[in-house]
């Protein structure tokens, strides 16, 4: 009898302090005005050197792209006044979730952002 269980995952190497620092930097870049470009540059440079940075970068870029589209939809809905509170909620959620991501990265974990489309 054959089962469809996935193969066991390879053990992850311990996350180094440099990897944690780069993970934090990617999140901080989002807060200081480079929400997609900042993490994208770090991820493209370091993704082949670190599986942690690869996972962290993919998750963060997926989050930033998804919430950009949420903000865009909210902005378009501002013309019918529904979008104003939605835009505020998306803005606050982006800041709060990014801070949670910073804390998670400082602990060497990859935070799985809620309501995020996994594009990468």
PDB file of N, CA and C in Angstrom:
ATOM      1  N   UNK A   1       0.846  -1.171   0.000  1.00  0.00           N
ATOM      2  CA  UNK A   1       0.000   0.000   0.000  1.00  0.00           C
ATOM      3  C   UNK A   1       0.894   1.238   0.000  1.00  0.00           C
ATOM      4  N   UNK A   2       0.674   2.113  -0.948  1.00  0.00           N
ATOM      5  CA  UNK A   2       1.503   3.312  -1.098  1.00  0.00           C
ATOM      6  C   UNK A   2       0.772   4.514  -0.514  1.00  0.00           C
ATOM      7  N   UNK A   3       1.512   5.293   0.255  1.00  0.00           N
ATOM      8  CA  UNK A   3       0.917   6.505   0.819  1.00  0.00           C
ATOM      9  C   UNK A   3       1.561   7.726   0.178  1.00  0.00           C
ATOM     10  N   UNK A   4       0.849   8.795   0.188  1.00  0.00           N
ATOM     11  CA  UNK A   4       1.346  10.034  -0.405  1.00  0.00           C
ATOM     12  C   UNK A   4       1.924  10.951   0.662  1.00  0.00           C
ATOM     13  N   UNK A   5       2.876  10.462   1.406  1.00  0.00           N
ATOM     14  CA  UNK A   5       3.521  11.303   2.404  1.00  0.00           C
ATOM     15  C   UNK A   5       4.730  11.972   1.786  1.00  0.00           C
ATOM     16  N   UNK A   6       4.951  13.237   2.126  1.00  0.00           N
ATOM     17  CA  UNK A   6       6.107  13.925   1.566  1.00  0.00           C
ATOM     18  C   UNK A   6       7.399  13.349   2.136  1.00  0.00           C
ATOM     19  N   UNK A   7       8.479  13.470   1.383  1.00  0.00           N
ATOM     20  CA  UNK A   7       9.748  12.976   1.897  1.00  0.00           C
ATOM     21  C   UNK A   7      10.180  13.796   3.108  1.00  0.00           C
ATOM     22  N   UNK A   8      10.937  13.196   4.007  1.00  0.00           N
ATOM     23  CA  UNK A   8      11.361  13.965   5.175  1.00  0.00           C
ATOM     24  C   UNK A   8      12.240  15.136   4.746  1.00  0.00           C
ATOM     25  N   UNK A   9      12.051  16.256   5.406  1.00  0.00           N
ATOM     26  CA  UNK A   9      12.828  17.436   5.038  1.00  0.00           C
ATOM     27  C   UNK A   9      14.245  17.309   5.570  1.00  0.00           C
ATOM     28  N   UNK A  10      15.147  17.949   4.861  1.00  0.00           N
ATOM     29  CA  UNK A  10      16.532  17.934   5.281  1.00  0.00           C
ATOM     30  C   UNK A  10      16.693  18.768   6.539  1.00  0.00           C
ATOM     31  N   UNK A  11      17.564  18.359   7.426  1.00  0.00           N
ATOM     32  CA  UNK A  11      17.746  19.160   8.639  1.00  0.00           C
ATOM     33  C   UNK A  11      18.315  20.536   8.294  1.00  0.00           C
ATOM     34  N   UNK A  12      17.784  21.536   8.929  1.00  0.00           N
ATOM     35  CA  UNK A  12      18.241  22.897   8.695  1.00  0.00           C
ATOM     36  C   UNK A  12      19.492  23.155   9.525  1.00  0.00           C
ATOM     37  N   UNK A  13      20.451  23.824   8.923  1.00  0.00           N
ATOM     38  CA  UNK A  13      21.635  24.182   9.684  1.00  0.00           C
ATOM     39  C   UNK A  13      21.267  25.305  10.646  1.00  0.00           C
ATOM     40  N   UNK A  14      21.963  25.390  11.772  1.00  0.00           N
ATOM     41  CA  UNK A  14      21.643  26.464  12.725  1.00  0.00           C
ATOM     42  C   UNK A  14      21.820  27.834  12.069  1.00  0.00           C
ATOM     43  N   UNK A  15      20.977  28.748  12.446  1.00  0.00           N
ATOM     44  CA  UNK A  15      21.011  30.092  11.883  1.00  0.00           C
ATOM     45  C   UNK A  15      22.133  30.874  12.574  1.00  0.00           C
ATOM     46  N   UNK A  16      23.011  31.462  11.768  1.00  0.00           N
ATOM     47  CA  UNK A  16      24.120  32.234  12.323  1.00  0.00           C
ATOM     48  C   UNK A  16      23.649  33.641  12.684  1.00  0.00           C
ATOM     49  N   UNK A  17      24.472  34.331  13.453  1.00  0.00           N
ATOM     50  CA  UNK A  17      24.134  35.703  13.846  1.00  0.00           C
ATOM     51  C   UNK A  17      24.082  36.619  12.622  1.00  0.00           C
ATOM     52  N   UNK A  18      24.969  36.385  11.646  1.00  0.00           N
ATOM     53  CA  UNK A  18      24.941  37.200  10.423  1.00  0.00           C
ATOM     54  C   UNK A  18      23.626  37.005   9.665  1.00  0.00           C
ATOM     55  N   UNK A  19      23.124  35.774   9.617  1.00  0.00           N
ATOM     56  CA  UNK A  19      21.849  35.513   8.942  1.00  0.00           C
ATOM     57  C   UNK A  19      20.702  36.191   9.677  1.00  0.00           C
ATOM     58  N   UNK A  20      20.732  36.120  11.009  1.00  0.00           N
ATOM     59  CA  UNK A  20      19.695  36.805  11.792  1.00  0.00           C
ATOM     60  C   UNK A  20      19.729  38.306  11.513  1.00  0.00           C
ATOM     61  N   UNK A  21      20.940  38.856  11.473  1.00  0.00           N
ATOM     62  CA  UNK A  21      21.091  40.295  11.225  1.00  0.00           C
ATOM     63  C   UNK A  21      20.551  40.676   9.854  1.00  0.00           C
ATOM     64  N   UNK A  22      20.861  39.880   8.832  1.00  0.00           N
ATOM     65  CA  UNK A  22      20.333  40.168   7.494  1.00  0.00           C
ATOM     66  C   UNK A  22      18.813  40.040   7.454  1.00  0.00           C
ATOM     67  N   UNK A  23      18.274  39.065   8.188  1.00  0.00           N
ATOM     68  CA  UNK A  23      16.818  38.931   8.273  1.00  0.00           C
ATOM     69  C   UNK A  23      16.183  40.159   8.892  1.00  0.00           C
ATOM     70  N   UNK A  24      16.803  40.670   9.958  1.00  0.00           N
ATOM     71  CA  UNK A  24      16.308  41.885  10.603  1.00  0.00           C
ATOM     72  C   UNK A  24      16.420  43.075   9.648  1.00  0.00           C
ATOM     73  N   UNK A  25      17.551  43.182   8.956  1.00  0.00           N
ATOM     74  CA  UNK A  25      17.768  44.293   8.019  1.00  0.00           C
ATOM     75  C   UNK A  25      16.696  44.297   6.932  1.00  0.00           C
ATOM     76  N   UNK A  26      16.350  43.119   6.414  1.00  0.00           N
ATOM     77  CA  UNK A  26      15.317  43.061   5.370  1.00  0.00           C
ATOM     78  C   UNK A  26      13.996  43.634   5.878  1.00  0.00           C
ATOM     79  N   UNK A  27      13.635  43.291   7.119  1.00  0.00           N
ATOM     80  CA  UNK A  27      12.383  43.807   7.696  1.00  0.00           C
ATOM     81  C   UNK A  27      12.462  45.301   7.963  1.00  0.00           C
ATOM     82  N   UNK A  28      13.591  45.752   8.490  1.00  0.00           N
ATOM     83  CA  UNK A  28      13.738  47.178   8.804  1.00  0.00           C
ATOM     84  C   UNK A  28      13.691  48.014   7.526  1.00  0.00           C
ATOM     85  N   UNK A  29      14.264  47.503   6.446  1.00  0.00           N
ATOM     86  CA  UNK A  29      14.204  48.222   5.171  1.00  0.00           C
ATOM     87  C   UNK A  29      12.756  48.472   4.747  1.00  0.00           C
ATOM     88  N   UNK A  30      11.878  47.538   5.093  1.00  0.00           N
ATOM     89  CA  UNK A  30      10.452  47.717   4.775  1.00  0.00           C
ATOM     90  C   UNK A  30       9.850  48.877   5.566  1.00  0.00           C
ATOM     91  N   UNK A  31      10.296  49.054   6.797  1.00  0.00           N
ATOM     92  CA  UNK A  31       9.750  50.112   7.644  1.00  0.00           C
ATOM     93  C   UNK A  31      10.281  51.495   7.282  1.00  0.00           C
ATOM     94  N   UNK A  32      11.478  51.565   6.693  1.00  0.00           N
ATOM     95  CA  UNK A  32      12.077  52.875   6.420  1.00  0.00           C
ATOM     96  C   UNK A  32      11.848  53.351   4.992  1.00  0.00           C
ATOM     97  N   UNK A  33      10.966  52.678   4.257  1.00  0.00           N
ATOM     98  CA  UNK A  33      10.587  53.212   2.956  1.00  0.00           C
ATOM     99  C   UNK A  33      10.996  52.403   1.744  1.00  0.00           C
ATOM    100  N   UNK A  34      11.532  51.223   1.934  1.00  0.00           N
ATOM    101  CA  UNK A  34      11.910  50.373   0.808  1.00  0.00           C
ATOM    102  C   UNK A  34      11.215  49.015   0.935  1.00  0.00           C
ATOM    103  N   UNK A  35       9.872  48.987   0.877  1.00  0.00           N
ATOM    104  CA  UNK A  35       9.141  47.767   1.212  1.00  0.00           C
ATOM    105  C   UNK A  35       9.373  46.579   0.276  1.00  0.00           C
ATOM    106  N   UNK A  36       9.654  46.815  -0.977  1.00  0.00           N
ATOM    107  CA  UNK A  36       9.887  45.694  -1.885  1.00  0.00           C
ATOM    108  C   UNK A  36      11.330  45.684  -2.356  1.00  0.00           C
ATOM    109  N   UNK A  37      11.846  46.830  -2.714  1.00  0.00           N
ATOM    110  CA  UNK A  37      13.192  46.915  -3.273  1.00  0.00           C
ATOM    111  C   UNK A  37      14.272  46.506  -2.266  1.00  0.00           C
ATOM    112  N   UNK A  38      14.170  46.954  -1.023  1.00  0.00           N
ATOM    113  CA  UNK A  38      15.183  46.636  -0.011  1.00  0.00           C
ATOM    114  C   UNK A  38      15.342  45.141   0.221  1.00  0.00           C
ATOM    115  N   UNK A  39      14.263  44.439   0.603  1.00  0.00           N
ATOM    116  CA  UNK A  39      14.389  42.993   0.816  1.00  0.00           C
ATOM    117  C   UNK A  39      14.740  42.241  -0.464  1.00  0.00           C
ATOM    118  N   UNK A  40      14.275  42.745  -1.610  1.00  0.00           N
ATOM    119  CA  UNK A  40      14.562  42.081  -2.877  1.00  0.00           C
ATOM    120  C   UNK A  40      16.066  42.066  -3.158  1.00  0.00           C
ATOM    121  N   UNK A  41      16.734  43.191  -2.939  1.00  0.00           N
ATOM    122  CA  UNK A  41      18.176  43.276  -3.197  1.00  0.00           C
ATOM    123  C   UNK A  41      18.935  42.322  -2.269  1.00  0.00           C
ATOM    124  N   UNK A  42      18.607  42.340  -0.972  1.00  0.00           N
ATOM    125  CA  UNK A  42      19.288  41.459  -0.019  1.00  0.00           C
ATOM    126  C   UNK A  42      19.028  40.001  -0.379  1.00  0.00           C
ATOM    127  N   UNK A  43      17.776  39.686  -0.694  1.00  0.00           N
ATOM    128  CA  UNK A  43      17.410  38.313  -1.016  1.00  0.00           C
ATOM    129  C   UNK A  43      18.132  37.828  -2.277  1.00  0.00           C
ATOM    130  N   UNK A  44      18.170  38.657  -3.320  1.00  0.00           N
ATOM    131  CA  UNK A  44      18.835  38.248  -4.561  1.00  0.00           C
ATOM    132  C   UNK A  44      20.334  38.025  -4.358  1.00  0.00           C
ATOM    133  N   UNK A  45      20.948  38.812  -3.508  1.00  0.00           N
ATOM    134  CA  UNK A  45      22.388  38.673  -3.275  1.00  0.00           C
ATOM    135  C   UNK A  45      22.700  37.451  -2.423  1.00  0.00           C
ATOM    136  N   UNK A  46      21.893  37.172  -1.403  1.00  0.00           N
ATOM    137  CA  UNK A  46      22.240  36.158  -0.403  1.00  0.00           C
ATOM    138  C   UNK A  46      21.446  34.856  -0.478  1.00  0.00           C
ATOM    139  N   UNK A  47      20.452  34.750  -1.352  1.00  0.00           N
ATOM    140  CA  UNK A  47      19.572  33.574  -1.335  1.00  0.00           C
ATOM    141  C   UNK A  47      20.291  32.271  -1.642  1.00  0.00           C
ATOM    142  N   UNK A  48      21.348  32.310  -2.450  1.00  0.00           N
ATOM    143  CA  UNK A  48      22.068  31.088  -2.788  1.00  0.00           C
ATOM    144  C   UNK A  48      23.086  30.703  -1.718  1.00  0.00           C
ATOM    145  N   UNK A  49      23.375  31.615  -0.806  1.00  0.00           N
ATOM    146  CA  UNK A  49      24.367  31.357   0.230  1.00  0.00           C
ATOM    147  C   UNK A  49      23.740  30.887   1.539  1.00  0.00           C
ATOM    148  N   UNK A  50      22.448  31.122   1.715  1.00  0.00           N
ATOM    149  CA  UNK A  50      21.801  30.806   2.985  1.00  0.00           C
ATOM    150  C   UNK A  50      20.360  30.376   2.754  1.00  0.00           C
ATOM    151  N   UNK A  51      20.005  29.189   3.219  1.00  0.00           N
ATOM    152  CA  UNK A  51      18.620  28.741   3.084  1.00  0.00           C
ATOM    153  C   UNK A  51      17.696  29.581   3.980  1.00  0.00           C
ATOM    154  N   UNK A  52      18.223  30.037   5.107  1.00  0.00           N
ATOM    155  CA  UNK A  52      17.429  30.878   6.002  1.00  0.00           C
ATOM    156  C   UNK A  52      17.073  32.210   5.320  1.00  0.00           C
ATOM    157  N   UNK A  53      18.048  32.852   4.714  1.00  0.00           N
ATOM    158  CA  UNK A  53      17.799  34.122   4.016  1.00  0.00           C
ATOM    159  C   UNK A  53      16.870  33.896   2.836  1.00  0.00           C
ATOM    160  N   UNK A  54      16.997  32.761   2.165  1.00  0.00           N
ATOM    161  CA  UNK A  54      16.108  32.446   1.049  1.00  0.00           C
ATOM    162  C   UNK A  54      14.664  32.339   1.538  1.00  0.00           C
ATOM    163  N   UNK A  55      14.432  31.593   2.606  1.00  0.00           N
ATOM    164  CA  UNK A  55      13.077  31.441   3.147  1.00  0.00           C
ATOM    165  C   UNK A  55      12.551  32.766   3.697  1.00  0.00           C
ATOM    166  N   UNK A  56      13.413  33.477   4.431  1.00  0.00           N
ATOM    167  CA  UNK A  56      13.016  34.759   5.012  1.00  0.00           C
ATOM    168  C   UNK A  56      12.664  35.778   3.920  1.00  0.00           C
ATOM    169  N   UNK A  57      13.501  35.849   2.890  1.00  0.00           N
ATOM    170  CA  UNK A  57      13.267  36.793   1.801  1.00  0.00           C
ATOM    171  C   UNK A  57      12.005  36.485   1.020  1.00  0.00           C
ATOM    172  N   UNK A  58      11.797  35.204   0.718  1.00  0.00           N
ATOM    173  CA  UNK A  58      10.579  34.818  -0.013  1.00  0.00           C
ATOM    174  C   UNK A  58       9.330  35.201   0.783  1.00  0.00           C
ATOM    175  N   UNK A  59       9.329  34.872   2.050  1.00  0.00           N
ATOM    176  CA  UNK A  59       8.159  35.157   2.879  1.00  0.00           C
ATOM    177  C   UNK A  59       7.914  36.660   2.977  1.00  0.00           C
ATOM    178  N   UNK A  60       8.983  37.422   3.179  1.00  0.00           N
ATOM    179  CA  UNK A  60       8.841  38.872   3.317  1.00  0.00           C
ATOM    180  C   UNK A  60       8.399  39.521   2.010  1.00  0.00           C
ATOM    181  N   UNK A  61       8.961  39.085   0.895  1.00  0.00           N
ATOM    182  CA  UNK A  61       8.546  39.650  -0.397  1.00  0.00           C
ATOM    183  C   UNK A  61       7.101  39.299  -0.724  1.00  0.00           C
ATOM    184  N   UNK A  62       6.702  38.060  -0.437  1.00  0.00           N
ATOM    185  CA  UNK A  62       5.304  37.684  -0.643  1.00  0.00           C
ATOM    186  C   UNK A  62       4.382  38.575   0.191  1.00  0.00           C
ATOM    187  N   UNK A  63       4.767  38.815   1.432  1.00  0.00           N
ATOM    188  CA  UNK A  63       3.986  39.676   2.322  1.00  0.00           C
ATOM    189  C   UNK A  63       3.885  41.090   1.769  1.00  0.00           C
ATOM    190  N   UNK A  64       5.003  41.669   1.391  1.00  0.00           N
ATOM    191  CA  UNK A  64       5.010  43.045   0.917  1.00  0.00           C
ATOM    192  C   UNK A  64       4.215  43.198  -0.383  1.00  0.00           C
ATOM    193  N   UNK A  65       4.351  42.262  -1.292  1.00  0.00           N
ATOM    194  CA  UNK A  65       3.604  42.320  -2.554  1.00  0.00           C
ATOM    195  C   UNK A  65       2.110  42.183  -2.296  1.00  0.00           C
ATOM    196  N   UNK A  66       1.737  41.225  -1.447  1.00  0.00           N
ATOM    197  CA  UNK A  66       0.324  41.003  -1.138  1.00  0.00           C
ATOM    198  C   UNK A  66      -0.300  42.234  -0.488  1.00  0.00           C
ATOM    199  N   UNK A  67       0.378  42.782   0.502  1.00  0.00           N
ATOM    200  CA  UNK A  67      -0.195  43.922   1.209  1.00  0.00           C
ATOM    201  C   UNK A  67      -0.160  45.195   0.358  1.00  0.00           C
ATOM    202  N   UNK A  68       0.734  45.262  -0.614  1.00  0.00           N
ATOM    203  CA  UNK A  68       0.694  46.366  -1.585  1.00  0.00           C
ATOM    204  C   UNK A  68      -0.611  46.292  -2.380  1.00  0.00           C
ATOM    205  N   UNK A  69      -0.976  45.082  -2.804  1.00  0.00           N
ATOM    206  CA  UNK A  69      -2.228  44.929  -3.548  1.00  0.00           C
ATOM    207  C   UNK A  69      -3.441  45.209  -2.663  1.00  0.00           C
ATOM    208  N   UNK A  70      -3.370  44.825  -1.374  1.00  0.00           N
ATOM    209  CA  UNK A  70      -4.447  45.172  -0.447  1.00  0.00           C
ATOM    210  C   UNK A  70      -4.581  46.691  -0.332  1.00  0.00           C
ATOM    211  N   UNK A  71      -3.449  47.378  -0.225  1.00  0.00           N
ATOM    212  CA  UNK A  71      -3.469  48.840  -0.108  1.00  0.00           C
ATOM    213  C   UNK A  71      -3.998  49.475  -1.392  1.00  0.00           C
ATOM    214  N   UNK A  72      -3.599  48.938  -2.530  1.00  0.00           N
ATOM    215  CA  UNK A  72      -4.075  49.468  -3.811  1.00  0.00           C
ATOM    216  C   UNK A  72      -5.588  49.299  -3.935  1.00  0.00           C
ATOM    217  N   UNK A  73      -6.093  48.129  -3.576  1.00  0.00           N
ATOM    218  CA  UNK A  73      -7.543  47.897  -3.621  1.00  0.00           C
ATOM    219  C   UNK A  73      -8.261  48.827  -2.647  1.00  0.00           C
ATOM    220  N   UNK A  74      -7.686  49.014  -1.465  1.00  0.00           N
ATOM    221  CA  UNK A  74      -8.293  49.923  -0.487  1.00  0.00           C
ATOM    222  C   UNK A  74      -8.313  51.351  -1.002  1.00  0.00           C
ATOM    223  N   UNK A  75      -7.216  51.761  -1.658  1.00  0.00           N
ATOM    224  CA  UNK A  75      -7.152  53.106  -2.223  1.00  0.00           C
ATOM    225  C   UNK A  75      -8.238  53.305  -3.280  1.00  0.00           C
ATOM    226  N   UNK A  76      -8.406  52.306  -4.128  1.00  0.00           N
ATOM    227  CA  UNK A  76      -9.435  52.411  -5.165  1.00  0.00           C
ATOM    228  C   UNK A  76     -10.838  52.472  -4.556  1.00  0.00           C
ATOM    229  N   UNK A  77     -11.010  51.798  -3.423  1.00  0.00           N
ATOM    230  CA  UNK A  77     -12.307  51.828  -2.749  1.00  0.00           C
ATOM    231  C   UNK A  77     -12.541  53.131  -1.985  1.00  0.00           C
ATOM    232  N   UNK A  78     -11.511  53.972  -1.876  1.00  0.00           N
ATOM    233  CA  UNK A  78     -11.686  55.273  -1.211  1.00  0.00           C
ATOM    234  C   UNK A  78     -12.684  56.143  -1.956  1.00  0.00           C
ATOM    235  N   UNK A  79     -12.843  55.918  -3.240  1.00  0.00           N
ATOM    236  CA  UNK A  79     -13.773  56.710  -4.026  1.00  0.00           C
ATOM    237  C   UNK A  79     -15.225  56.434  -3.634  1.00  0.00           C
ATOM    238  N   UNK A  80     -15.457  55.311  -2.969  1.00  0.00           N
ATOM    239  CA  UNK A  80     -16.797  55.030  -2.456  1.00  0.00           C
ATOM    240  C   UNK A  80     -16.794  55.035  -0.931  1.00  0.00           C
ATOM    241  N   UNK A  81     -15.770  55.631  -0.340  1.00  0.00           N
ATOM    242  CA  UNK A  81     -15.600  55.860   1.095  1.00  0.00           C
ATOM    243  C   UNK A  81     -15.379  54.594   1.934  1.00  0.00           C
ATOM    244  N   UNK A  82     -15.538  53.438   1.370  1.00  0.00           N
ATOM    245  CA  UNK A  82     -15.290  52.196   2.110  1.00  0.00           C
ATOM    246  C   UNK A  82     -13.794  51.985   2.299  1.00  0.00           C
ATOM    247  N   UNK A  83     -13.019  52.474   1.367  1.00  0.00           N
ATOM    248  CA  UNK A  83     -11.589  52.208   1.372  1.00  0.00           C
ATOM    249  C   UNK A  83     -10.809  52.970   2.416  1.00  0.00           C
ATOM    250  N   UNK A  84     -11.339  54.064   2.933  1.00  0.00           N
ATOM    251  CA  UNK A  84     -10.585  54.863   3.910  1.00  0.00           C
ATOM    252  C   UNK A  84     -10.273  54.047   5.167  1.00  0.00           C
ATOM    253  N   UNK A  85     -11.265  53.427   5.818  1.00  0.00           N
ATOM    254  CA  UNK A  85     -10.907  52.605   6.984  1.00  0.00           C
ATOM    255  C   UNK A  85     -10.077  51.376   6.593  1.00  0.00           C
ATOM    256  N   UNK A  86     -10.344  50.826   5.423  1.00  0.00           N
ATOM    257  CA  UNK A  86      -9.552  49.674   4.978  1.00  0.00           C
ATOM    258  C   UNK A  86      -8.089  50.045   4.783  1.00  0.00           C
ATOM    259  N   UNK A  87      -7.842  51.209   4.216  1.00  0.00           N
ATOM    260  CA  UNK A  87      -6.473  51.674   4.001  1.00  0.00           C
ATOM    261  C   UNK A  87      -5.754  51.871   5.330  1.00  0.00           C
ATOM    262  N   UNK A  88      -6.455  52.402   6.308  1.00  0.00           N
ATOM    263  CA  UNK A  88      -5.879  52.574   7.639  1.00  0.00           C
ATOM    264  C   UNK A  88      -5.559  51.216   8.264  1.00  0.00           C
ATOM    265  N   UNK A  89      -6.473  50.268   8.137  1.00  0.00           N
ATOM    266  CA  UNK A  89      -6.273  48.933   8.698  1.00  0.00           C
ATOM    267  C   UNK A  89      -5.088  48.241   8.027  1.00  0.00           C
ATOM    268  N   UNK A  90      -4.996  48.330   6.719  1.00  0.00           N
ATOM    269  CA  UNK A  90      -3.882  47.700   5.993  1.00  0.00           C
ATOM    270  C   UNK A  90      -2.559  48.341   6.408  1.00  0.00           C
ATOM    271  N   UNK A  91      -2.539  49.653   6.569  1.00  0.00           N
ATOM    272  CA  UNK A  91      -1.325  50.336   6.985  1.00  0.00           C
ATOM    273  C   UNK A  91      -0.867  49.907   8.369  1.00  0.00           C
ATOM    274  N   UNK A  92      -1.799  49.872   9.312  1.00  0.00           N
ATOM    275  CA  UNK A  92      -1.464  49.454  10.679  1.00  0.00           C
ATOM    276  C   UNK A  92      -1.031  47.992  10.690  1.00  0.00           C
ATOM    277  N   UNK A  93      -1.752  47.134   9.957  1.00  0.00           N
ATOM    278  CA  UNK A  93      -1.400  45.714   9.912  1.00  0.00           C
ATOM    279  C   UNK A  93      -0.006  45.511   9.338  1.00  0.00           C
ATOM    280  N   UNK A  94       0.335  46.264   8.311  1.00  0.00           N
ATOM    281  CA  UNK A  94       1.657  46.137   7.704  1.00  0.00           C
ATOM    282  C   UNK A  94       2.750  46.490   8.705  1.00  0.00           C
ATOM    283  N   UNK A  95       2.565  47.572   9.440  1.00  0.00           N
ATOM    284  CA  UNK A  95       3.571  47.984  10.424  1.00  0.00           C
ATOM    285  C   UNK A  95       3.677  46.968  11.556  1.00  0.00           C
ATOM    286  N   UNK A  96       2.544  46.560  12.106  1.00  0.00           N
ATOM    287  CA  UNK A  96       2.546  45.618  13.231  1.00  0.00           C
ATOM    288  C   UNK A  96       3.144  44.278  12.812  1.00  0.00           C
ATOM    289  N   UNK A  97       2.736  43.754  11.662  1.00  0.00           N
ATOM    290  CA  UNK A  97       3.244  42.454  11.219  1.00  0.00           C
ATOM    291  C   UNK A  97       4.730  42.520  10.872  1.00  0.00           C
ATOM    292  N   UNK A  98       5.187  43.650  10.365  1.00  0.00           N
ATOM    293  CA  UNK A  98       6.613  43.803  10.086  1.00  0.00           C
ATOM    294  C   UNK A  98       7.407  43.800  11.391  1.00  0.00           C
ATOM    295  N   UNK A  99       6.895  44.436  12.423  1.00  0.00           N
ATOM    296  CA  UNK A  99       7.565  44.429  13.727  1.00  0.00           C
ATOM    297  C   UNK A  99       7.597  43.012  14.297  1.00  0.00           C
ATOM    298  N   UNK A 100       6.511  42.281  14.150  1.00  0.00           N
ATOM    299  CA  UNK A 100       6.496  40.876  14.586  1.00  0.00           C
ATOM    300  C   UNK A 100       7.540  40.083  13.801  1.00  0.00           C
ATOM    301  N   UNK A 101       7.672  40.367  12.505  1.00  0.00           N
ATOM    302  CA  UNK A 101       8.682  39.710  11.683  1.00  0.00           C
ATOM    303  C   UNK A 101      10.096  40.031  12.144  1.00  0.00           C
ATOM    304  N   UNK A 102      10.335  41.268  12.592  1.00  0.00           N
ATOM    305  CA  UNK A 102      11.646  41.649  13.109  1.00  0.00           C
ATOM    306  C   UNK A 102      11.974  40.848  14.362  1.00  0.00           C
ATOM    307  N   UNK A 103      11.016  40.744  15.264  1.00  0.00           N
ATOM    308  CA  UNK A 103      11.230  39.978  16.493  1.00  0.00           C
ATOM    309  C   UNK A 103      11.498  38.512  16.164  1.00  0.00           C
ATOM    310  N   UNK A 104      10.731  37.973  15.248  1.00  0.00           N
ATOM    311  CA  UNK A 104      10.918  36.582  14.844  1.00  0.00           C
ATOM    312  C   UNK A 104      12.290  36.373  14.205  1.00  0.00           C
ATOM    313  N   UNK A 105      12.712  37.300  13.356  1.00  0.00           N
ATOM    314  CA  UNK A 105      14.023  37.193  12.704  1.00  0.00           C
ATOM    315  C   UNK A 105      15.147  37.299  13.724  1.00  0.00           C
ATOM    316  N   UNK A 106      14.965  38.094  14.764  1.00  0.00           N
ATOM    317  CA  UNK A 106      16.000  38.224  15.788  1.00  0.00           C
ATOM    318  C   UNK A 106      16.166  36.926  16.572  1.00  0.00           C
ATOM    319  N   UNK A 107      15.119  36.090  16.562  1.00  0.00           N
ATOM    320  CA  UNK A 107      15.182  34.787  17.225  1.00  0.00           C
ATOM    321  C   UNK A 107      15.625  33.683  16.273  1.00  0.00           C
ATOM    322  N   UNK A 108      15.834  34.033  15.001  1.00  0.00           N
ATOM    323  CA  UNK A 108      16.275  33.048  14.022  1.00  0.00           C
ATOM    324  C   UNK A 108      15.148  32.257  13.386  1.00  0.00           C
ATOM    325  N   UNK A 109      13.934  32.768  13.479  1.00  0.00           N
ATOM    326  CA  UNK A 109      12.767  32.100  12.905  1.00  0.00           C
ATOM    327  C   UNK A 109      12.253  32.866  11.697  1.00  0.00           C
ATOM    328  N   UNK A 110      11.548  32.160  10.818  1.00  0.00           N
ATOM    329  CA  UNK A 110      10.891  32.794   9.680  1.00  0.00           C
ATOM    330  C   UNK A 110       9.414  32.930  10.033  1.00  0.00           C
ATOM    331  N   UNK A 111       8.935  34.157  10.103  1.00  0.00           N
ATOM    332  CA  UNK A 111       7.534  34.415  10.451  1.00  0.00           C
ATOM    333  C   UNK A 111       6.666  34.227   9.222  1.00  0.00           C
ATOM    334  N   UNK A 112       5.624  33.418   9.354  1.00  0.00           N
ATOM    335  CA  UNK A 112       4.658  33.213   8.266  1.00  0.00           C
ATOM    336  C   UNK A 112       3.565  34.267   8.411  1.00  0.00           C
ATOM    337  N   UNK A 113       3.604  35.261   7.532  1.00  0.00           N
ATOM    338  CA  UNK A 113       2.647  36.362   7.603  1.00  0.00           C
ATOM    339  C   UNK A 113       1.251  35.879   7.246  1.00  0.00           C
ATOM    340  N   UNK A 114       0.234  36.336   7.990  1.00  0.00           N
ATOM    341  CA  UNK A 114      -1.145  35.917   7.692  1.00  0.00           C
ATOM    342  C   UNK A 114      -1.680  36.624   6.450  1.00  0.00           C
ATOM    343  N   UNK A 115      -2.654  35.987   5.811  1.00  0.00           N
ATOM    344  CA  UNK A 115      -3.358  36.527   4.649  1.00  0.00           C
ATOM    345  C   UNK A 115      -2.399  36.920   3.518  1.00  0.00           C
ATOM    346  N   UNK A 116      -1.362  36.127   3.329  1.00  0.00           N
ATOM    347  CA  UNK A 116      -0.354  36.412   2.319  1.00  0.00           C
ATOM    348  C   UNK A 116      -0.425  35.380   1.208  1.00  0.00           C
ATOM    349  N   UNK A 117      -0.409  35.854  -0.022  1.00  0.00           N
ATOM    350  CA  UNK A 117      -0.349  34.954  -1.177  1.00  0.00           C
ATOM    351  C   UNK A 117       1.090  34.515  -1.376  1.00  0.00           C
ATOM    352  N   UNK A 118       1.316  33.241  -1.518  1.00  0.00           N
ATOM    353  CA  UNK A 118       2.669  32.703  -1.710  1.00  0.00           C
ATOM    354  C   UNK A 118       2.981  32.733  -3.204  1.00  0.00           C
ATOM    355  N   UNK A 119       3.553  33.837  -3.660  1.00  0.00           N
ATOM    356  CA  UNK A 119       3.847  34.023  -5.074  1.00  0.00           C
ATOM    357  C   UNK A 119       5.236  33.517  -5.447  1.00  0.00           C
ATOM    358  N   UNK A 120       6.180  33.660  -4.557  1.00  0.00           N
ATOM    359  CA  UNK A 120       7.558  33.255  -4.816  1.00  0.00           C
ATOM    360  C   UNK A 120       7.857  31.914  -4.195  1.00  0.00           C
TER     361      UNK A 120
END
